[in-house]
Amino acid sequence: MGLVHRVGWDPRFVDRSPWFWPFGRAAGRLAGHADWPSAAELEALCAELTADAGTPRLKLGPNVDKRDKRAEGKVRLEALYDARIVTQGEVPTRERDWHDLFNLLCFATFPRVKHALHARQYAALQRRIEPDSARLPEARTREQDALTLFDEGGVIVATTPAHLATLAAAGEGLDGLAEAIVARPGEPIAVIPVGHALYEHLVEGLMMPGARAMLVALDGEWPASDVELLARADREMARVMADPAFFQSPREQVHLRLGALAPRRGPAR
């Protein structure tokens, strides 16, 4: 069940928490809106911010209706959420809804990760749903669980190859990763929320739930700007996402309490 939204449209929502920093570019385009942005405005925003990402241009569509999932007693695979994104370039979106707005902003900010994630989800559905299936599977697989949890509550922890093993070892214990990050204030470590449900909690002023962290290493010089950092982290996480060796189980993801951390983008600049 989703959150009950008590906060209406706020063009300065990024000021509600410093953890909104990845949405800086996207939110800047929305700061002048007195009311919720339209579907056309969000489509244009996504197209502008993802122009160099090499990902398909997206359009917004109506939310998935239960009646659309079946026709003539059979499951309509093409009508399911992930299928519409992958095969039609259409993101089912509810209007005037923080959860779905942040989902779109994640597509605008992390386009490679989002497209790779939904491609994996769609491929998993194709393997499980026979052409004449009369019903959807009753439960997700461990792979689908891992992908869904990251989509909703994922965090990319980006660092250098030299620091990756140390952080991975720390993540084996509860809260170990958070403690290791706090203990290394000057080292190249960036904590980047990518799960849209995390942002939904932030805008409502709620305690952040436990995040699902995946570690990636960024080769070469540490990014000189937030834009470069986000693009490189997006590219590297998408590469991991597309590799079938990863995201086979939620156990791969490290528990991370964002409430125990201050926002982190790497060394002081």
C-alpha atoms as a PDB file:
ATOM      1  CA  MET A   1       0.000   0.000   0.000  1.00  0.00           C
ATOM      2  CA  GLY A   2       1.361   3.423  -0.947  1.00  0.00           C
ATOM      3  CA  LEU A   3       1.698   6.414   1.300  1.00  0.00           C
ATOM      4  CA  VAL A   4      -1.245   8.694   1.929  1.00  0.00           C
ATOM      5  CA  HIS A   5      -0.039  12.056   0.644  1.00  0.00           C
ATOM      6  CA  ARG A   6      -0.694  14.999   2.914  1.00  0.00           C
ATOM      7  CA  VAL A   7       1.655  17.383   1.113  1.00  0.00           C
ATOM      8  CA  GLY A   8       0.319  19.060  -1.988  1.00  0.00           C
ATOM      9  CA  TRP A   9       2.344  20.486  -4.831  1.00  0.00           C
ATOM     10  CA  ASP A  10       5.457  22.294  -3.665  1.00  0.00           C
ATOM     11  CA  PRO A  11       7.671  23.802  -6.394  1.00  0.00           C
ATOM     12  CA  ARG A  12      10.549  23.969  -3.891  1.00  0.00           C
ATOM     13  CA  PHE A  13      10.283  20.379  -2.729  1.00  0.00           C
ATOM     14  CA  VAL A  14      14.065  19.972  -2.995  1.00  0.00           C
ATOM     15  CA  ASP A  15      14.425  22.291   0.001  1.00  0.00           C
ATOM     16  CA  ARG A  16      12.652  19.749   2.205  1.00  0.00           C
ATOM     17  CA  SER A  17      15.766  17.568   2.473  1.00  0.00           C
ATOM     18  CA  PRO A  18      19.406  17.741   1.333  1.00  0.00           C
ATOM     19  CA  TRP A  19      18.946  14.161   0.082  1.00  0.00           C
ATOM     20  CA  PHE A  20      17.077  15.601  -2.905  1.00  0.00           C
ATOM     21  CA  TRP A  21      20.397  16.767  -4.375  1.00  0.00           C
ATOM     22  CA  PRO A  22      20.331  14.305  -7.333  1.00  0.00           C
ATOM     23  CA  PHE A  23      17.154  16.008  -8.562  1.00  0.00           C
ATOM     24  CA  GLY A  24      18.794  19.442  -8.698  1.00  0.00           C
ATOM     25  CA  ARG A  25      18.676  19.828 -12.488  1.00  0.00           C
ATOM     26  CA  ALA A  26      15.178  18.396 -12.857  1.00  0.00           C
ATOM     27  CA  ALA A  27      13.741  20.344  -9.939  1.00  0.00           C
ATOM     28  CA  GLY A  28      15.182  23.576 -11.299  1.00  0.00           C
ATOM     29  CA  ARG A  29      12.888  23.204 -14.312  1.00  0.00           C
ATOM     30  CA  LEU A  30       9.871  22.783 -12.018  1.00  0.00           C
ATOM     31  CA  ALA A  31      10.578  25.573  -9.516  1.00  0.00           C
ATOM     32  CA  GLY A  32       8.397  28.067 -11.373  1.00  0.00           C
ATOM     33  CA  HIS A  33       5.313  25.833 -11.502  1.00  0.00           C
ATOM     34  CA  ALA A  34       2.438  27.069  -9.370  1.00  0.00           C
ATOM     35  CA  ASP A  35       0.708  23.701  -9.789  1.00  0.00           C
ATOM     36  CA  TRP A  36       1.626  20.119 -10.696  1.00  0.00           C
ATOM     37  CA  PRO A  37       3.421  19.846 -14.052  1.00  0.00           C
ATOM     38  CA  SER A  38       1.438  18.423 -16.931  1.00  0.00           C
ATOM     39  CA  ALA A  39       2.243  15.168 -18.695  1.00  0.00           C
ATOM     40  CA  ALA A  40       3.553  17.108 -21.696  1.00  0.00           C
ATOM     41  CA  GLU A  41       5.851  19.171 -19.479  1.00  0.00           C
ATOM     42  CA  LEU A  42       7.233  16.055 -17.787  1.00  0.00           C
ATOM     43  CA  GLU A  43       7.788  14.340 -21.127  1.00  0.00           C
ATOM     44  CA  ALA A  44       9.716  17.385 -22.349  1.00  0.00           C
ATOM     45  CA  LEU A  45      11.745  17.461 -19.132  1.00  0.00           C
ATOM     46  CA  CYS A  46      12.733  13.805 -19.481  1.00  0.00           C
ATOM     47  CA  ALA A  47      13.642  14.313 -23.135  1.00  0.00           C
ATOM     48  CA  GLU A  48      15.835  17.314 -22.316  1.00  0.00           C
ATOM     49  CA  LEU A  49      17.749  15.712 -19.453  1.00  0.00           C
ATOM     50  CA  THR A  50      18.261  12.360 -21.190  1.00  0.00           C
ATOM     51  CA  ALA A  51      19.193  13.670 -24.628  1.00  0.00           C
ATOM     52  CA  ASP A  52      22.752  12.327 -24.347  1.00  0.00           C
ATOM     53  CA  ALA A  53      21.926   9.084 -22.525  1.00  0.00           C
ATOM     54  CA  GLY A  54      21.129   6.979 -25.561  1.00  0.00           C
ATOM     55  CA  THR A  55      17.837   5.817 -24.055  1.00  0.00           C
ATOM     56  CA  PRO A  56      14.426   5.840 -25.789  1.00  0.00           C
ATOM     57  CA  ARG A  57      12.269   8.917 -25.497  1.00  0.00           C
ATOM     58  CA  LEU A  58       9.390   8.327 -23.101  1.00  0.00           C
ATOM     59  CA  LYS A  59       5.768   9.345 -23.046  1.00  0.00           C
ATOM     60  CA  LEU A  60       3.358   9.260 -20.136  1.00  0.00           C
ATOM     61  CA  GLY A  61       0.273   7.084 -20.219  1.00  0.00           C
ATOM     62  CA  PRO A  62      -2.649   6.211 -17.958  1.00  0.00           C
ATOM     63  CA  ASN A  63      -2.045   4.005 -14.966  1.00  0.00           C
ATOM     64  CA  VAL A  64      -2.397   0.246 -15.451  1.00  0.00           C
ATOM     65  CA  ASP A  65      -6.015  -0.798 -15.072  1.00  0.00           C
ATOM     66  CA  LYS A  66      -6.771  -4.293 -13.786  1.00  0.00           C
ATOM     67  CA  ARG A  67      -9.163  -4.774 -16.684  1.00  0.00           C
ATOM     68  CA  ASP A  68      -6.331  -4.096 -19.150  1.00  0.00           C
ATOM     69  CA  LYS A  69      -4.287  -7.022 -17.835  1.00  0.00           C
ATOM     70  CA  ARG A  70      -6.649  -9.663 -19.222  1.00  0.00           C
ATOM     71  CA  ALA A  71      -8.627 -10.087 -22.412  1.00  0.00           C
ATOM     72  CA  GLU A  72     -10.651 -13.094 -23.533  1.00  0.00           C
ATOM     73  CA  GLY A  73      -9.559 -14.957 -20.433  1.00  0.00           C
ATOM     74  CA  LYS A  74      -5.837 -14.535 -21.135  1.00  0.00           C
ATOM     75  CA  VAL A  75      -3.117 -12.381 -19.611  1.00  0.00           C
ATOM     76  CA  ARG A  76      -2.230  -9.472 -21.877  1.00  0.00           C
ATOM     77  CA  LEU A  77       1.514  -9.290 -21.413  1.00  0.00           C
ATOM     78  CA  GLU A  78       1.760  -6.144 -23.524  1.00  0.00           C
ATOM     79  CA  ALA A  79      -0.562  -4.278 -21.114  1.00  0.00           C
ATOM     80  CA  LEU A  80       1.568  -4.870 -18.025  1.00  0.00           C
ATOM     81  CA  TYR A  81       3.587  -2.051 -16.487  1.00  0.00           C
ATOM     82  CA  ASP A  82       7.093  -3.120 -17.518  1.00  0.00           C
ATOM     83  CA  ALA A  83       5.955  -4.200 -20.976  1.00  0.00           C
ATOM     84  CA  ARG A  84       4.478  -0.790 -21.704  1.00  0.00           C
ATOM     85  CA  ILE A  85       7.774   0.880 -20.784  1.00  0.00           C
ATOM     86  CA  VAL A  86       9.952  -1.503 -22.790  1.00  0.00           C
ATOM     87  CA  THR A  87       7.820  -2.116 -25.868  1.00  0.00           C
ATOM     88  CA  GLN A  88       5.874   1.142 -26.149  1.00  0.00           C
ATOM     89  CA  GLY A  89       8.091   3.693 -24.415  1.00  0.00           C
ATOM     90  CA  GLU A  90       5.141   4.583 -22.219  1.00  0.00           C
ATOM     91  CA  VAL A  91       5.354   5.035 -18.435  1.00  0.00           C
ATOM     92  CA  PRO A  92       2.001   4.491 -16.677  1.00  0.00           C
ATOM     93  CA  THR A  93       1.630   7.582 -14.501  1.00  0.00           C
ATOM     94  CA  ARG A  94      -0.976   8.930 -12.119  1.00  0.00           C
ATOM     95  CA  GLU A  95      -1.462  12.689 -12.277  1.00  0.00           C
ATOM     96  CA  ARG A  96      -0.795  14.900  -9.248  1.00  0.00           C
ATOM     97  CA  ASP A  97       0.943  12.086  -7.399  1.00  0.00           C
ATOM     98  CA  TRP A  98       4.333  12.366  -5.668  1.00  0.00           C
ATOM     99  CA  HIS A  99       5.184   8.684  -6.051  1.00  0.00           C
ATOM    100  CA  ASP A 100       4.755   8.746  -9.810  1.00  0.00           C
ATOM    101  CA  LEU A 101       6.314  12.189 -10.195  1.00  0.00           C
ATOM    102  CA  PHE A 102       9.477  10.970  -8.470  1.00  0.00           C
ATOM    103  CA  ASN A 103       9.436   7.877 -10.664  1.00  0.00           C
ATOM    104  CA  LEU A 104       9.547  10.185 -13.696  1.00  0.00           C
ATOM    105  CA  LEU A 105      12.311  12.281 -12.160  1.00  0.00           C
ATOM    106  CA  CYS A 106      14.278   9.079 -11.625  1.00  0.00           C
ATOM    107  CA  PHE A 107      13.837   8.284 -15.329  1.00  0.00           C
ATOM    108  CA  ALA A 108      15.135  11.790 -16.081  1.00  0.00           C
ATOM    109  CA  THR A 109      18.094  11.529 -13.687  1.00  0.00           C
ATOM    110  CA  PHE A 110      19.025   7.828 -13.953  1.00  0.00           C
ATOM    111  CA  PRO A 111      17.739   6.903 -17.416  1.00  0.00           C
ATOM    112  CA  ARG A 112      20.117   4.005 -18.084  1.00  0.00           C
ATOM    113  CA  VAL A 113      19.424   2.347 -14.732  1.00  0.00           C
ATOM    114  CA  LYS A 114      15.664   2.690 -15.083  1.00  0.00           C
ATOM    115  CA  HIS A 115      15.552   1.329 -18.618  1.00  0.00           C
ATOM    116  CA  ALA A 116      17.869  -1.571 -17.730  1.00  0.00           C
ATOM    117  CA  LEU A 117      15.764  -2.391 -14.677  1.00  0.00           C
ATOM    118  CA  HIS A 118      12.462  -2.513 -16.537  1.00  0.00           C
ATOM    119  CA  ALA A 119      14.041  -4.499 -19.371  1.00  0.00           C
ATOM    120  CA  ARG A 120      15.066  -7.096 -16.770  1.00  0.00           C
ATOM    121  CA  GLN A 121      11.582  -7.117 -15.258  1.00  0.00           C
ATOM    122  CA  TYR A 122       9.966  -7.511 -18.665  1.00  0.00           C
ATOM    123  CA  ALA A 123      12.309 -10.372 -19.602  1.00  0.00           C
ATOM    124  CA  ALA A 124      11.459 -12.101 -16.315  1.00  0.00           C
ATOM    125  CA  LEU A 125       7.740 -11.799 -17.078  1.00  0.00           C
ATOM    126  CA  GLN A 126       8.231 -13.185 -20.568  1.00  0.00           C
ATOM    127  CA  ARG A 127       9.926 -16.262 -19.135  1.00  0.00           C
ATOM    128  CA  ARG A 128       7.112 -16.885 -16.661  1.00  0.00           C
ATOM    129  CA  ILE A 129       3.949 -16.103 -18.614  1.00  0.00           C
ATOM    130  CA  GLU A 130       2.965 -18.573 -21.324  1.00  0.00           C
ATOM    131  CA  PRO A 131       1.059 -17.248 -24.353  1.00  0.00           C
ATOM    132  CA  ASP A 132      -2.242 -18.756 -23.144  1.00  0.00           C
ATOM    133  CA  SER A 133      -1.822 -18.051 -19.424  1.00  0.00           C
ATOM    134  CA  ALA A 134      -5.098 -17.224 -17.726  1.00  0.00           C
ATOM    135  CA  ARG A 135      -3.540 -15.596 -14.668  1.00  0.00           C
ATOM    136  CA  LEU A 136      -0.430 -13.840 -13.489  1.00  0.00           C
ATOM    137  CA  PRO A 137       2.047 -15.691 -11.241  1.00  0.00           C
ATOM    138  CA  GLU A 138       0.991 -15.496  -7.597  1.00  0.00           C
ATOM    139  CA  ALA A 139       4.420 -14.431  -6.345  1.00  0.00           C
ATOM    140  CA  ARG A 140       7.539 -12.758  -7.663  1.00  0.00           C
ATOM    141  CA  THR A 141      10.784 -14.641  -8.130  1.00  0.00           C
ATOM    142  CA  ARG A 142      13.845 -13.703  -6.074  1.00  0.00           C
ATOM    143  CA  GLU A 143      15.174 -11.844  -9.117  1.00  0.00           C
ATOM    144  CA  GLN A 144      11.950  -9.872  -9.454  1.00  0.00           C
ATOM    145  CA  ASP A 145      12.030  -9.118  -5.722  1.00  0.00           C
ATOM    146  CA  ALA A 146      15.574  -7.782  -5.996  1.00  0.00           C
ATOM    147  CA  LEU A 147      14.703  -5.567  -8.955  1.00  0.00           C
ATOM    148  CA  THR A 148      11.501  -4.245  -7.368  1.00  0.00           C
ATOM    149  CA  LEU A 149      13.159  -3.446  -4.051  1.00  0.00           C
ATOM    150  CA  PHE A 150      15.906  -1.531  -5.803  1.00  0.00           C
ATOM    151  CA  ASP A 151      13.437   0.323  -8.020  1.00  0.00           C
ATOM    152  CA  GLU A 152      11.492   1.518  -4.977  1.00  0.00           C
ATOM    153  CA  GLY A 153      14.205   1.874  -2.354  1.00  0.00           C
ATOM    154  CA  GLY A 154      17.564   1.564  -4.085  1.00  0.00           C
ATOM    155  CA  VAL A 155      20.730   3.509  -3.412  1.00  0.00           C
ATOM    156  CA  ILE A 156      23.916   3.533  -5.462  1.00  0.00           C
ATOM    157  CA  VAL A 157      27.057   3.761  -3.343  1.00  0.00           C
ATOM    158  CA  ALA A 158      29.763   4.864  -5.771  1.00  0.00           C
ATOM    159  CA  THR A 159      33.436   4.823  -4.898  1.00  0.00           C
ATOM    160  CA  THR A 160      36.814   4.098  -6.502  1.00  0.00           C
ATOM    161  CA  PRO A 161      38.127   0.592  -7.222  1.00  0.00           C
ATOM    162  CA  ALA A 162      40.643   1.032  -4.388  1.00  0.00           C
ATOM    163  CA  HIS A 163      37.875   1.541  -1.812  1.00  0.00           C
ATOM    164  CA  LEU A 164      35.289  -0.895  -3.133  1.00  0.00           C
ATOM    165  CA  ALA A 165      36.462  -4.017  -1.281  1.00  0.00           C
ATOM    166  CA  THR A 166      36.625  -2.189   2.063  1.00  0.00           C
ATOM    167  CA  LEU A 167      33.063  -0.923   1.771  1.00  0.00           C
ATOM    168  CA  ALA A 168      31.789  -4.278   0.525  1.00  0.00           C
ATOM    169  CA  ALA A 169      33.297  -6.012   3.553  1.00  0.00           C
ATOM    170  CA  ALA A 170      31.759  -3.437   5.898  1.00  0.00           C
ATOM    171  CA  GLY A 171      28.357  -4.018   4.338  1.00  0.00           C
ATOM    172  CA  GLU A 172      28.261  -7.593   5.560  1.00  0.00           C
ATOM    173  CA  GLY A 173      27.125  -6.452   9.003  1.00  0.00           C
ATOM    174  CA  LEU A 174      23.920  -4.604   9.948  1.00  0.00           C
ATOM    175  CA  ASP A 175      24.609  -0.852   9.680  1.00  0.00           C
ATOM    176  CA  GLY A 176      28.222  -1.690   8.844  1.00  0.00           C
ATOM    177  CA  LEU A 177      28.137   0.164   5.540  1.00  0.00           C
ATOM    178  CA  ALA A 178      26.728   3.338   7.101  1.00  0.00           C
ATOM    179  CA  GLU A 179      29.369   3.224   9.826  1.00  0.00           C
ATOM    180  CA  ALA A 180      32.144   2.702   7.268  1.00  0.00           C
ATOM    181  CA  ILE A 181      30.949   5.664   5.198  1.00  0.00           C
ATOM    182  CA  VAL A 182      30.757   7.946   8.235  1.00  0.00           C
ATOM    183  CA  ALA A 183      34.271   6.881   9.275  1.00  0.00           C
ATOM    184  CA  ARG A 184      35.721   7.983   5.898  1.00  0.00           C
ATOM    185  CA  PRO A 185      34.737  11.657   5.550  1.00  0.00           C
ATOM    186  CA  GLY A 186      37.418  12.635   3.033  1.00  0.00           C
ATOM    187  CA  GLU A 187      37.360   9.594   0.800  1.00  0.00           C
ATOM    188  CA  PRO A 188      35.698   9.355  -2.630  1.00  0.00           C
ATOM    189  CA  ILE A 189      32.320   7.878  -1.690  1.00  0.00           C
ATOM    190  CA  ALA A 190      28.969   9.073  -3.040  1.00  0.00           C
ATOM    191  CA  VAL A 191      25.595   7.929  -1.702  1.00  0.00           C
ATOM    192  CA  ILE A 192      22.967   8.351  -4.417  1.00  0.00           C
ATOM    193  CA  PRO A 193      19.294   7.505  -3.805  1.00  0.00           C
ATOM    194  CA  VAL A 194      17.674   6.100  -6.949  1.00  0.00           C
ATOM    195  CA  GLY A 195      14.503   4.565  -5.477  1.00  0.00           C
ATOM    196  CA  HIS A 196      11.493   6.792  -6.019  1.00  0.00           C
ATOM    197  CA  ALA A 197       9.727   5.628  -2.833  1.00  0.00           C
ATOM    198  CA  LEU A 198      12.634   7.008  -0.799  1.00  0.00           C
ATOM    199  CA  TYR A 199      12.004  10.447  -2.241  1.00  0.00           C
ATOM    200  CA  GLU A 200       8.296  10.049  -1.536  1.00  0.00           C
ATOM    201  CA  HIS A 201       9.088   9.615   2.165  1.00  0.00           C
ATOM    202  CA  LEU A 202      11.307  12.690   2.084  1.00  0.00           C
ATOM    203  CA  VAL A 203       8.685  14.999   0.626  1.00  0.00           C
ATOM    204  CA  GLU A 204       6.220  13.908   3.302  1.00  0.00           C
ATOM    205  CA  GLY A 205       8.769  14.554   6.049  1.00  0.00           C
ATOM    206  CA  LEU A 206       8.727  10.918   7.155  1.00  0.00           C
ATOM    207  CA  MET A 207      11.528   8.823   8.563  1.00  0.00           C
ATOM    208  CA  MET A 208      13.482   7.278   5.733  1.00  0.00           C
ATOM    209  CA  PRO A 209      12.968   3.517   5.426  1.00  0.00           C
ATOM    210  CA  GLY A 210      15.930   1.207   5.119  1.00  0.00           C
ATOM    211  CA  ALA A 211      17.449   1.544   1.666  1.00  0.00           C
ATOM    212  CA  ARG A 212      18.759  -1.227  -0.586  1.00  0.00           C
ATOM    213  CA  ALA A 213      22.329  -0.349  -1.526  1.00  0.00           C
ATOM    214  CA  MET A 214      24.458  -1.627  -4.386  1.00  0.00           C
ATOM    215  CA  LEU A 215      28.135  -0.688  -4.633  1.00  0.00           C
ATOM    216  CA  VAL A 216      29.816   0.331  -7.876  1.00  0.00           C
ATOM    217  CA  ALA A 217      33.349   1.470  -8.684  1.00  0.00           C
ATOM    218  CA  LEU A 218      34.041   4.493 -10.882  1.00  0.00           C
ATOM    219  CA  ASP A 219      37.330   4.191 -12.744  1.00  0.00           C
ATOM    220  CA  GLY A 220      39.626   7.107 -13.438  1.00  0.00           C
ATOM    221  CA  GLU A 221      39.506  10.579 -11.921  1.00  0.00           C
ATOM    222  CA  TRP A 222      36.700  11.249  -9.471  1.00  0.00           C
ATOM    223  CA  PRO A 223      33.881  13.228 -11.155  1.00  0.00           C
ATOM    224  CA  ALA A 224      34.360  16.982 -10.999  1.00  0.00           C
ATOM    225  CA  SER A 225      30.633  17.837 -10.864  1.00  0.00           C
ATOM    226  CA  ASP A 226      27.341  16.395  -9.708  1.00  0.00           C
ATOM    227  CA  VAL A 227      26.196  16.058 -13.321  1.00  0.00           C
ATOM    228  CA  GLU A 228      29.239  13.969 -14.195  1.00  0.00           C
ATOM    229  CA  LEU A 229      28.965  11.935 -10.996  1.00  0.00           C
ATOM    230  CA  LEU A 230      25.319  11.055 -11.623  1.00  0.00           C
ATOM    231  CA  ALA A 231      25.932  10.198 -15.289  1.00  0.00           C
ATOM    232  CA  ARG A 232      28.861   7.909 -14.513  1.00  0.00           C
ATOM    233  CA  ALA A 233      27.091   6.212 -11.611  1.00  0.00           C
ATOM    234  CA  ASP A 234      24.017   5.744 -13.811  1.00  0.00           C
ATOM    235  CA  ARG A 235      26.123   4.209 -16.566  1.00  0.00           C
ATOM    236  CA  GLU A 236      27.985   1.830 -14.263  1.00  0.00           C
ATOM    237  CA  MET A 237      24.890   0.730 -12.344  1.00  0.00           C
ATOM    238  CA  ALA A 238      23.049   0.086 -15.615  1.00  0.00           C
ATOM    239  CA  ARG A 239      25.909  -2.150 -16.725  1.00  0.00           C
ATOM    240  CA  VAL A 240      25.541  -4.151 -13.509  1.00  0.00           C
ATOM    241  CA  MET A 241      21.766  -4.214 -13.895  1.00  0.00           C
ATOM    242  CA  ALA A 242      22.023  -5.692 -17.383  1.00  0.00           C
ATOM    243  CA  ASP A 243      24.356  -8.482 -16.230  1.00  0.00           C
ATOM    244  CA  PRO A 244      22.260 -11.581 -15.374  1.00  0.00           C
ATOM    245  CA  ALA A 245      24.843 -12.561 -12.760  1.00  0.00           C
ATOM    246  CA  PHE A 246      23.584  -9.712 -10.572  1.00  0.00           C
ATOM    247  CA  PHE A 247      20.185  -8.940  -9.048  1.00  0.00           C
ATOM    248  CA  GLN A 248      19.347 -12.602  -8.611  1.00  0.00           C
ATOM    249  CA  SER A 249      18.332 -12.106  -4.971  1.00  0.00           C
ATOM    250  CA  PRO A 250      17.669  -9.271  -2.513  1.00  0.00           C
ATOM    251  CA  ARG A 251      20.533 -10.713  -0.464  1.00  0.00           C
ATOM    252  CA  GLU A 252      22.956  -9.009  -2.858  1.00  0.00           C
ATOM    253  CA  GLN A 253      21.733  -5.625  -1.649  1.00  0.00           C
ATOM    254  CA  VAL A 254      23.193  -4.093   1.494  1.00  0.00           C
ATOM    255  CA  HIS A 255      20.894  -2.598   4.109  1.00  0.00           C
ATOM    256  CA  LEU A 256      21.622   1.118   4.473  1.00  0.00           C
ATOM    257  CA  ARG A 257      19.906   3.507   6.859  1.00  0.00           C
ATOM    258  CA  LEU A 258      20.059   6.873   5.142  1.00  0.00           C
ATOM    259  CA  GLY A 259      18.886   8.456   8.381  1.00  0.00           C
ATOM    260  CA  ALA A 260      22.260   7.571   9.869  1.00  0.00           C
ATOM    261  CA  LEU A 261      24.107   9.526   7.166  1.00  0.00           C
ATOM    262  CA  ALA A 262      24.497  13.015   5.870  1.00  0.00           C
ATOM    263  CA  PRO A 263      24.221  13.347   2.079  1.00  0.00           C
ATOM    264  CA  ARG A 264      27.521  12.385   0.507  1.00  0.00           C
ATOM    265  CA  ARG A 265      28.816  13.156  -3.007  1.00  0.00           C
ATOM    266  CA  GLY A 266      32.507  12.366  -2.601  1.00  0.00           C
ATOM    267  CA  PRO A 267      35.513  14.424  -1.497  1.00  0.00           C
ATOM    268  CA  ALA A 268      35.092  18.090  -0.670  1.00  0.00           C
ATOM    269  CA  ARG A 269      35.394  20.207  -3.815  1.00  0.00           C
END
